[in-house]
Amino acid sequence: MTIGKYLKILALAFMLVVAQACASAPETTQKKPSTRIKTEIPPPFPITSQSLRTERIDRLLSDLVAEGSVPGLSVLIYENGIETYFGATGYSDIKNKTLLKRSDVGRYYSMTKPIVGVAMMMLYEDGKFKLDDPVSKYLPEYANMMVYAGEDEDGSMKLEPAERPMTIRDLMRHTAGFTYGFIPTPIDQMYAKNKILTFDQNLDEFSKKLATMPLLYQPGTQYNYSVSVDVQGRLIELFSGQKLGDYLEANILGPLGMTHTGFTVKAKDRAKFVATYGRDETGLALLQDGNPKLPWGLDVDRPFLEDVTFQSGGSGLVSTIDDYAKFALMLQAGGGTLITPASLALMNTDHLGDMPNGHLGEGVGFGLNFAVKTAPQAQGDYYVPEGTFYWGGMAGTAFFIDDKTDLTFIMHMQMITRGQAGIRRRMAEAIYGKPK
């Protein structure tokens, strides 16, 4: 299997999304037993809706649970800033037959990235940096980076100097040359061996360790989903003089009233923090801490229930569907009181241009910390209108902003599976109808 194909498959499980400014653009362990799940469908929650799409979305929610694709999920839609749909069906805990609730707190993983992106743009507006500043201007450990250039006949790694410094724009569009540590490349193997992502390190320690690793690609040459948003978290600490979580709370989460969102589940929300599920040979299965089927043997509970040292700007936040909606509605409103429309325009404009876009696929570009649909609705894997910007999380959460129809979509589930892209595509078809 080629690296590119593996990336595409893995990205479907890991991210996200259903996952024209370019670089020169102007700035404006041991496995624990799994819990089998019976396929049993509870009645759906009452739905408030004024939308003609209601019947299609209702049917899809029921179908996804009935076919065992997910244990449960919920969907929230706003149009012109007004809630026009909420639907939920299935369970948050199958064993105890706990119905999914609108107030459930879950792991939002990579949907942390857009929030960190907004934090970066707030500091950008404060004059703390320019997008094309070299990262080494602020983090000198990234000066004189080396880049993977294949292997010699004896199998030893070949390295070459970076042709240019990585920039902050590169960090925000995933073109810095970093990787994530879970694809089959020699650099990813180095990430795993050196435990680049661990909970018992601060962001300064993380950044300095990461800088000792060679880059997988030359900076600014192609998109590669990576740990770069965690580097952004370190920059936020430097620019603000605060820990990442403190800055987010004071400047985004607090002002938006996102009272259930943070790097640690709040004491008042412990009973609302739900299980997450995956799939084994028996079907749906409860994922427990350190399950070896997860990337890096990732704990699904510890980092969110304990006050761990590492605050991951790439994947660390918990939230609720309504909390995240507050953030998404701020974006729909052009940045609200947090960032200017000009800064948001920088974020939701494609910054890849003709660069290879990795797993993103046909008709998709990447702005600053989220993806952007660059082709008509019927192209690519995610059938949303051109100009829509979006992202998702490893446990199946997703959101998109469609400025053309002023529609904001948020989906909540806690299911780590390779089928997320298919779920998101079907959801988009339920909202817009199948492309002709």
Protein backbone atom coordinates (compact mmCIF):
# COMPACT_ATOMS: atom_id res chain seq x y z
CA MET A 1 0.00 0.00 0.00
CA THR A 2 1.35 3.37 -0.90
CA ILE A 3 1.85 6.06 1.74
CA GLY A 4 -0.68 8.24 -0.03
CA LYS A 5 -3.35 5.58 0.03
CA TYR A 6 -2.62 4.76 3.68
CA LEU A 7 -2.85 8.41 4.55
CA LYS A 8 -6.23 8.68 2.91
CA ILE A 9 -7.60 5.62 4.75
CA LEU A 10 -6.15 6.62 8.11
CA ALA A 11 -7.28 10.15 7.82
CA LEU A 12 -10.85 8.95 7.41
CA ALA A 13 -10.57 7.38 10.88
CA PHE A 14 -8.44 9.95 12.60
CA MET A 15 -9.79 13.28 11.64
CA LEU A 16 -12.04 14.56 10.79
CA VAL A 17 -13.45 16.01 8.00
CA VAL A 18 -15.26 14.30 5.70
CA ALA A 19 -12.12 16.25 6.47
CA GLN A 20 -7.04 31.50 -3.37
CA ALA A 21 -4.18 32.51 -1.37
CA CYS A 22 -0.97 30.54 -1.77
CA ALA A 23 2.35 31.05 0.03
CA SER A 24 2.78 34.46 -1.51
CA ALA A 25 -0.77 35.56 -0.76
CA PRO A 26 -1.20 38.89 0.89
CA GLU A 27 -2.06 38.97 4.57
CA THR A 28 -5.50 40.55 5.35
CA THR A 29 -0.18 -2.02 26.17
CA GLN A 30 -2.43 -4.91 27.19
CA LYS A 31 -5.78 -5.01 25.64
CA LYS A 32 -8.69 -4.79 28.04
CA PRO A 33 -11.88 -6.69 27.24
CA SER A 34 -14.28 -4.91 24.96
CA THR A 35 -17.97 -4.50 25.62
CA ARG A 36 -20.23 -5.87 22.93
CA ILE A 37 -23.13 -3.76 21.89
CA LYS A 38 -26.58 -4.99 20.97
CA THR A 39 -28.15 -3.25 18.05
CA GLU A 40 -31.24 -1.89 19.71
CA ILE A 41 -32.71 1.45 18.81
CA PRO A 42 -34.35 3.73 21.35
CA PRO A 43 -36.98 6.17 20.18
CA PRO A 44 -35.52 9.38 18.80
CA PHE A 45 -35.50 12.54 20.85
CA PRO A 46 -38.13 15.14 20.05
CA ILE A 47 -36.99 17.33 17.20
CA THR A 48 -37.50 21.03 16.83
CA SER A 49 -37.33 21.97 13.18
CA GLN A 50 -38.64 24.38 10.61
CA SER A 51 -36.60 22.83 7.82
CA LEU A 52 -37.84 20.87 4.83
CA ARG A 53 -34.83 18.62 5.38
CA THR A 54 -36.17 17.25 8.66
CA GLU A 55 -37.57 14.00 7.28
CA ARG A 56 -34.33 13.11 5.48
CA ILE A 57 -32.13 13.86 8.49
CA ASP A 58 -34.47 12.03 10.89
CA ARG A 59 -34.38 8.96 8.68
CA LEU A 60 -30.61 9.05 8.38
CA LEU A 61 -30.11 9.32 12.15
CA SER A 62 -32.28 6.23 12.68
CA ASP A 63 -30.60 4.35 9.81
CA LEU A 64 -27.09 4.99 11.12
CA VAL A 65 -27.98 3.52 14.53
CA ALA A 66 -30.03 0.64 13.07
CA GLU A 67 -27.19 -0.47 10.79
CA GLY A 68 -24.66 -0.32 13.64
CA SER A 69 -22.58 2.47 12.18
CA VAL A 70 -22.74 4.39 15.45
CA PRO A 71 -24.17 3.79 18.93
CA GLY A 72 -25.82 7.21 18.79
CA LEU A 73 -25.43 10.69 17.40
CA SER A 74 -26.99 14.12 17.40
CA VAL A 75 -27.19 16.92 14.87
CA LEU A 76 -27.76 20.63 15.34
CA ILE A 77 -28.43 23.12 12.54
CA TYR A 78 -28.78 26.87 12.57
CA GLU A 79 -29.94 28.95 9.64
CA ASN A 80 -29.53 32.70 9.68
CA GLY A 81 -28.49 32.36 13.32
CA ILE A 82 -31.74 30.61 14.32
CA GLU A 83 -31.92 26.96 15.40
CA THR A 84 -33.96 25.12 12.79
CA TYR A 85 -33.08 21.51 13.60
CA PHE A 86 -32.01 19.37 16.52
CA GLY A 87 -32.21 15.60 16.36
CA ALA A 88 -30.65 12.83 18.44
CA THR A 89 -31.02 9.07 18.56
CA GLY A 90 -29.19 6.07 19.99
CA TYR A 91 -27.21 5.60 23.16
CA SER A 92 -24.23 7.23 24.80
CA ASP A 93 -23.80 4.05 26.89
CA ILE A 94 -25.13 0.85 25.32
CA LYS A 95 -24.55 -1.46 28.30
CA ASN A 96 -26.51 0.75 30.66
CA LYS A 97 -28.98 1.81 27.96
CA THR A 98 -28.27 5.46 28.58
CA LEU A 99 -29.94 7.52 25.91
CA LEU A 100 -27.89 10.12 24.13
CA LYS A 101 -28.50 13.55 25.60
CA ARG A 102 -28.04 16.98 24.17
CA SER A 103 -25.98 17.90 27.24
CA ASP A 104 -23.46 15.05 26.82
CA VAL A 105 -19.80 16.04 27.11
CA GLY A 106 -17.46 14.36 24.67
CA ARG A 107 -13.98 14.31 23.19
CA TYR A 108 -13.84 16.85 20.39
CA TYR A 109 -10.25 15.98 19.44
CA SER A 110 -9.24 17.76 16.23
CA MET A 111 -12.12 20.20 16.42
CA THR A 112 -9.76 21.86 18.90
CA LYS A 113 -7.73 23.03 15.91
CA PRO A 114 -10.13 25.73 14.60
CA ILE A 115 -10.42 27.18 18.12
CA VAL A 116 -6.64 27.43 18.34
CA GLY A 117 -6.66 28.97 14.88
CA VAL A 118 -8.95 31.75 16.06
CA ALA A 119 -6.67 32.31 19.05
CA MET A 120 -3.76 32.68 16.65
CA MET A 121 -5.65 35.23 14.59
CA MET A 122 -6.53 37.23 17.69
CA LEU A 123 -2.81 37.49 18.45
CA TYR A 124 -2.15 38.25 14.79
CA GLU A 125 -4.52 41.19 15.05
CA ASP A 126 -2.62 42.29 18.17
CA GLY A 127 0.50 42.55 16.02
CA LYS A 128 2.30 39.67 17.71
CA PHE A 129 3.38 38.07 14.40
CA LYS A 130 2.97 38.06 10.64
CA LEU A 131 1.84 34.97 8.77
CA ASP A 132 5.05 34.71 6.77
CA ASP A 133 7.36 35.16 9.76
CA PRO A 134 9.75 32.21 10.16
CA VAL A 135 8.74 30.04 13.11
CA SER A 136 12.38 30.19 14.23
CA LYS A 137 12.00 33.92 14.84
CA TYR A 138 10.03 32.99 17.96
CA LEU A 139 11.07 29.36 18.50
CA PRO A 140 14.80 29.23 17.66
CA GLU A 141 14.85 25.44 17.97
CA TYR A 142 13.39 25.34 14.45
CA ALA A 143 16.34 27.06 12.79
CA ASN A 144 18.45 24.93 10.43
CA MET A 145 15.96 22.08 10.09
CA MET A 146 16.88 18.94 8.17
CA VAL A 147 14.50 17.15 5.78
CA TYR A 148 14.05 13.47 4.94
CA ALA A 149 15.40 12.72 1.46
CA GLY A 150 15.00 8.93 1.18
CA GLU A 151 17.38 6.14 2.07
CA ASP A 152 20.83 5.01 0.96
CA GLU A 153 21.44 1.54 -0.41
CA ASP A 154 22.36 0.32 3.07
CA GLY A 155 19.00 1.55 4.38
CA SER A 156 20.35 4.52 6.28
CA MET A 157 18.33 7.69 6.19
CA LYS A 158 19.34 10.50 3.87
CA LEU A 159 18.81 14.06 5.04
CA GLU A 160 19.13 17.41 3.34
CA PRO A 161 18.86 20.96 4.66
CA ALA A 162 15.51 22.71 4.51
CA GLU A 163 15.38 24.88 1.42
CA ARG A 164 13.62 27.64 3.33
CA PRO A 165 12.43 28.21 6.89
CA MET A 166 8.95 27.05 7.85
CA THR A 167 6.60 29.95 8.47
CA ILE A 168 3.61 30.48 10.72
CA ARG A 169 1.43 30.24 7.61
CA ASP A 170 2.97 26.79 7.04
CA LEU A 171 1.99 25.79 10.58
CA MET A 172 -1.58 26.91 10.03
CA ARG A 173 -2.04 25.22 6.65
CA HIS A 174 -0.08 22.00 7.51
CA THR A 175 2.74 22.64 5.05
CA ALA A 176 5.57 22.97 7.59
CA GLY A 177 6.87 19.46 6.82
CA PHE A 178 5.81 17.89 10.13
CA THR A 179 3.85 14.64 10.37
CA TYR A 180 1.73 13.00 13.13
CA GLY A 181 3.54 9.77 14.08
CA PHE A 182 1.06 7.16 12.85
CA ILE A 183 1.69 6.67 9.13
CA PRO A 184 4.34 4.24 7.79
CA THR A 185 7.23 6.61 7.13
CA PRO A 186 10.67 6.63 8.76
CA ILE A 187 9.94 10.05 10.26
CA ASP A 188 6.67 8.86 11.78
CA GLN A 189 8.58 5.93 13.27
CA MET A 190 10.99 8.42 14.83
CA TYR A 191 8.05 10.36 16.28
CA ALA A 192 6.67 7.17 17.83
CA LYS A 193 10.04 6.01 19.17
CA ASN A 194 10.74 9.38 20.76
CA LYS A 195 7.17 9.74 22.09
CA ILE A 196 6.61 13.12 20.53
CA LEU A 197 3.05 13.27 21.85
CA THR A 198 2.87 12.36 25.53
CA PHE A 199 0.75 13.76 28.33
CA ASP A 200 3.64 14.31 30.75
CA GLN A 201 5.38 17.20 29.03
CA ASN A 202 4.67 20.86 28.65
CA LEU A 203 4.46 22.60 25.31
CA ASP A 204 7.97 24.00 25.56
CA GLU A 205 9.39 20.50 26.11
CA PHE A 206 7.26 19.14 23.28
CA SER A 207 8.40 21.79 20.85
CA LYS A 208 12.10 21.37 21.59
CA LYS A 209 11.83 17.59 21.25
CA LEU A 210 9.92 17.88 17.99
CA ALA A 211 12.57 20.21 16.57
CA THR A 212 15.19 17.46 16.86
CA MET A 213 13.24 15.32 14.39
CA PRO A 214 13.80 15.72 10.64
CA LEU A 215 10.93 17.08 8.57
CA LEU A 216 9.08 14.67 6.29
CA TYR A 217 8.77 17.21 3.48
CA GLN A 218 10.36 20.47 2.46
CA PRO A 219 8.44 23.38 4.01
CA GLY A 220 5.82 24.91 1.79
CA THR A 221 5.72 22.10 -0.78
CA GLN A 222 2.66 20.05 0.21
CA TYR A 223 -0.09 19.59 2.74
CA ASN A 224 0.54 16.89 5.36
CA TYR A 225 -1.74 16.64 8.40
CA SER A 226 0.47 16.99 11.42
CA VAL A 227 1.31 18.15 14.94
CA SER A 228 1.72 21.71 13.73
CA VAL A 229 -1.29 22.97 15.72
CA ASP A 230 0.45 21.85 18.89
CA VAL A 231 3.35 24.06 17.84
CA GLN A 232 0.79 26.85 17.42
CA GLY A 233 -0.20 26.20 21.04
CA ARG A 234 3.37 26.85 22.10
CA LEU A 235 3.43 30.08 20.10
CA ILE A 236 0.22 31.23 21.78
CA GLU A 237 1.92 30.75 25.14
CA LEU A 238 4.89 32.82 24.04
CA PHE A 239 2.84 35.60 22.48
CA SER A 240 0.36 35.85 25.37
CA GLY A 241 2.48 34.99 28.41
CA GLN A 242 -0.25 32.53 29.49
CA LYS A 243 -0.70 28.78 29.41
CA LEU A 244 -2.67 27.73 26.34
CA GLY A 245 -5.75 26.69 28.31
CA ASP A 246 -5.77 29.93 30.26
CA TYR A 247 -5.56 32.00 27.10
CA LEU A 248 -8.38 30.09 25.43
CA GLU A 249 -10.59 30.39 28.51
CA ALA A 250 -10.02 34.10 28.94
CA ASN A 251 -10.32 35.08 25.29
CA ILE A 252 -12.60 32.57 23.53
CA LEU A 253 -14.35 30.02 25.75
CA GLY A 254 -15.34 32.47 28.48
CA PRO A 255 -16.51 35.29 26.21
CA LEU A 256 -18.56 32.85 24.10
CA GLY A 257 -20.14 31.20 27.16
CA MET A 258 -18.62 27.80 26.37
CA THR A 259 -18.91 26.68 29.98
CA HIS A 260 -18.51 22.94 29.29
CA THR A 261 -15.42 23.23 27.11
CA GLY A 262 -11.81 22.82 28.25
CA PHE A 263 -8.78 20.59 28.37
CA THR A 264 -10.16 18.78 31.45
CA VAL A 265 -13.75 17.72 32.11
CA LYS A 266 -15.16 20.08 34.68
CA ALA A 267 -16.28 18.62 38.01
CA LYS A 268 -19.90 19.54 37.28
CA ASP A 269 -19.71 17.59 34.00
CA ARG A 270 -18.14 14.30 35.16
CA ALA A 271 -21.50 12.50 35.05
CA LYS A 272 -22.06 13.88 31.55
CA PHE A 273 -18.73 12.71 30.10
CA VAL A 274 -19.75 9.78 27.94
CA ALA A 275 -18.00 6.64 26.69
CA THR A 276 -16.42 6.40 23.28
CA TYR A 277 -16.77 3.42 20.95
CA GLY A 278 -14.89 1.70 18.18
CA ARG A 279 -15.25 -1.48 16.21
CA ASP A 280 -13.76 -4.94 16.65
CA GLU A 281 -14.50 -8.35 15.07
CA THR A 282 -17.82 -8.50 16.98
CA GLY A 283 -19.04 -5.10 15.87
CA LEU A 284 -19.28 -1.98 18.00
CA ALA A 285 -17.08 -2.10 21.09
CA LEU A 286 -16.42 0.15 24.05
CA LEU A 287 -12.97 1.67 23.86
CA GLN A 288 -11.04 1.72 27.11
CA ASP A 289 -7.87 3.47 28.17
CA GLY A 290 -4.73 2.33 26.38
CA ASN A 291 -6.58 0.19 23.82
CA PRO A 292 -3.84 -0.83 21.37
CA LYS A 293 -6.14 -0.32 18.41
CA LEU A 294 -6.04 3.42 19.00
CA PRO A 295 -3.24 5.61 17.62
CA TRP A 296 -0.16 5.46 19.87
CA GLY A 297 -2.17 3.29 22.35
CA LEU A 298 -3.97 6.53 23.09
CA ASP A 299 -5.87 6.90 26.34
CA VAL A 300 -9.43 7.95 25.69
CA ASP A 301 -10.13 9.05 29.28
CA ARG A 302 -6.97 10.00 31.17
CA PRO A 303 -6.07 13.23 29.38
CA PHE A 304 -9.59 14.53 29.82
CA LEU A 305 -10.26 13.37 33.38
CA GLU A 306 -6.86 14.19 34.88
CA ASP A 307 -5.07 17.49 34.88
CA VAL A 308 -2.26 16.29 32.61
CA THR A 309 0.66 18.56 31.78
CA PHE A 310 0.26 18.53 28.00
CA GLN A 311 -2.43 20.84 26.66
CA SER A 312 -2.86 19.74 23.07
CA GLY A 313 -3.82 22.49 20.69
CA GLY A 314 -4.37 19.81 18.07
CA SER A 315 -6.72 17.47 19.92
CA GLY A 316 -7.19 18.26 23.59
CA LEU A 317 -10.61 19.82 24.16
CA VAL A 318 -13.84 18.33 25.45
CA SER A 319 -17.11 20.06 24.66
CA THR A 320 -20.84 19.70 24.05
CA ILE A 321 -22.82 20.17 20.85
CA ASP A 322 -24.29 23.44 22.10
CA ASP A 323 -20.97 24.78 23.34
CA TYR A 324 -19.34 24.12 20.02
CA ALA A 325 -22.29 25.67 18.27
CA LYS A 326 -21.50 28.94 20.03
CA PHE A 327 -18.04 28.87 18.49
CA ALA A 328 -19.37 27.92 15.06
CA LEU A 329 -22.01 30.65 15.14
CA MET A 330 -19.30 33.18 15.90
CA LEU A 331 -17.59 32.09 12.70
CA GLN A 332 -20.89 32.26 10.82
CA ALA A 333 -21.27 35.82 12.04
CA GLY A 334 -17.96 36.82 10.51
CA GLY A 335 -15.86 36.52 13.64
CA GLY A 336 -18.22 38.21 16.05
CA THR A 337 -16.38 40.22 18.67
CA LEU A 338 -13.33 37.95 18.57
CA ILE A 339 -11.72 38.52 15.18
CA THR A 340 -12.43 40.79 12.25
CA PRO A 341 -14.10 39.62 9.04
CA ALA A 342 -10.77 40.23 7.28
CA SER A 343 -8.99 37.80 9.62
CA LEU A 344 -11.74 35.22 9.19
CA ALA A 345 -11.44 35.64 5.42
CA LEU A 346 -7.77 34.73 5.73
CA MET A 347 -8.76 31.61 7.62
CA ASN A 348 -11.48 30.38 5.27
CA THR A 349 -9.64 31.04 2.01
CA ASP A 350 -7.60 28.24 0.43
CA HIS A 351 -3.88 28.72 1.11
CA LEU A 352 -2.67 25.62 -0.77
CA GLY A 353 -3.22 26.72 -4.35
CA ASP A 354 -1.64 24.13 -6.66
CA MET A 355 0.20 22.32 -3.87
CA PRO A 356 -0.53 18.59 -3.39
CA ASN A 357 -3.33 18.39 -0.83
CA GLY A 358 -2.66 14.94 0.61
CA HIS A 359 -5.73 13.05 1.87
CA LEU A 360 -8.06 16.01 1.46
CA GLY A 361 -9.12 14.86 -1.98
CA GLU A 362 -10.64 16.48 -5.03
CA GLY A 363 -12.25 19.85 -4.65
CA VAL A 364 -10.85 20.59 -1.19
CA GLY A 365 -8.24 23.11 -0.11
CA PHE A 366 -7.03 24.24 3.25
CA GLY A 367 -7.14 27.64 4.84
CA LEU A 368 -5.79 28.41 8.28
CA ASN A 369 -6.72 25.56 10.66
CA PHE A 370 -9.67 24.20 8.70
CA ALA A 371 -10.54 22.82 5.27
CA VAL A 372 -12.27 24.79 2.53
CA LYS A 373 -14.45 23.41 -0.30
CA THR A 374 -12.99 24.78 -3.52
CA ALA A 375 -15.19 23.05 -6.12
CA PRO A 376 -18.93 22.66 -6.75
CA GLN A 377 -21.03 20.48 -4.50
CA ALA A 378 -20.90 17.35 -6.70
CA GLN A 379 -17.08 17.14 -6.68
CA GLY A 380 -14.96 15.40 -4.07
CA ASP A 381 -15.98 13.24 -1.14
CA TYR A 382 -17.85 15.82 0.91
CA TYR A 383 -20.95 17.16 -0.79
CA VAL A 384 -21.19 20.66 0.59
CA PRO A 385 -21.31 23.88 -1.44
CA GLU A 386 -18.20 25.56 -2.72
CA GLY A 387 -16.81 27.98 -0.16
CA THR A 388 -18.00 25.93 2.82
CA PHE A 389 -15.33 25.62 5.49
CA TYR A 390 -15.23 22.78 7.99
CA TRP A 391 -13.36 20.29 10.14
CA GLY A 392 -14.04 17.26 12.36
CA GLY A 393 -12.66 15.14 15.18
CA MET A 394 -11.35 11.60 15.62
CA ALA A 395 -14.44 10.54 17.61
CA GLY A 396 -16.74 11.63 14.79
CA THR A 397 -17.67 15.15 15.75
CA ALA A 398 -17.92 17.52 12.81
CA PHE A 399 -19.01 21.01 11.84
CA PHE A 400 -19.28 23.15 8.77
CA ILE A 401 -20.16 26.72 7.92
CA ASP A 402 -21.98 27.34 4.64
CA ASP A 403 -21.93 31.07 4.00
CA LYS A 404 -23.93 30.77 0.77
CA THR A 405 -27.08 29.72 2.61
CA ASP A 406 -26.05 30.99 6.06
CA LEU A 407 -26.22 27.46 7.47
CA THR A 408 -24.23 26.20 10.46
CA PHE A 409 -24.03 22.43 11.07
CA ILE A 410 -22.64 20.60 14.13
CA MET A 411 -22.66 16.82 14.67
CA HIS A 412 -21.87 15.07 17.97
CA MET A 413 -20.91 11.41 18.30
CA GLN A 414 -18.27 9.42 20.19
CA MET A 415 -17.26 6.74 17.70
CA ILE A 416 -13.73 6.18 16.38
CA THR A 417 -14.15 4.43 13.04
CA ARG A 418 -13.02 4.47 9.43
CA GLY A 419 -16.59 5.11 8.38
CA GLN A 420 -16.72 8.74 9.47
CA ALA A 421 -16.27 10.18 6.00
CA GLY A 422 -19.18 8.11 4.73
CA ILE A 423 -21.36 9.29 7.61
CA ARG A 424 -20.49 12.91 6.92
CA ARG A 425 -21.14 12.53 3.22
CA ARG A 426 -24.54 10.96 3.86
CA MET A 427 -25.33 13.73 6.31
CA ALA A 428 -24.48 16.36 3.74
CA GLU A 429 -26.74 14.63 1.23
CA ALA A 430 -29.56 14.61 3.79
CA ILE A 431 -29.15 18.34 4.26
CA TYR A 432 -28.73 19.39 0.63
CA GLY A 433 -30.10 16.44 -1.31
CA LYS A 434 -28.01 14.14 -3.50
CA PRO A 435 -26.02 15.97 -6.17
CA LYS A 436 -27.29 15.41 -9.68
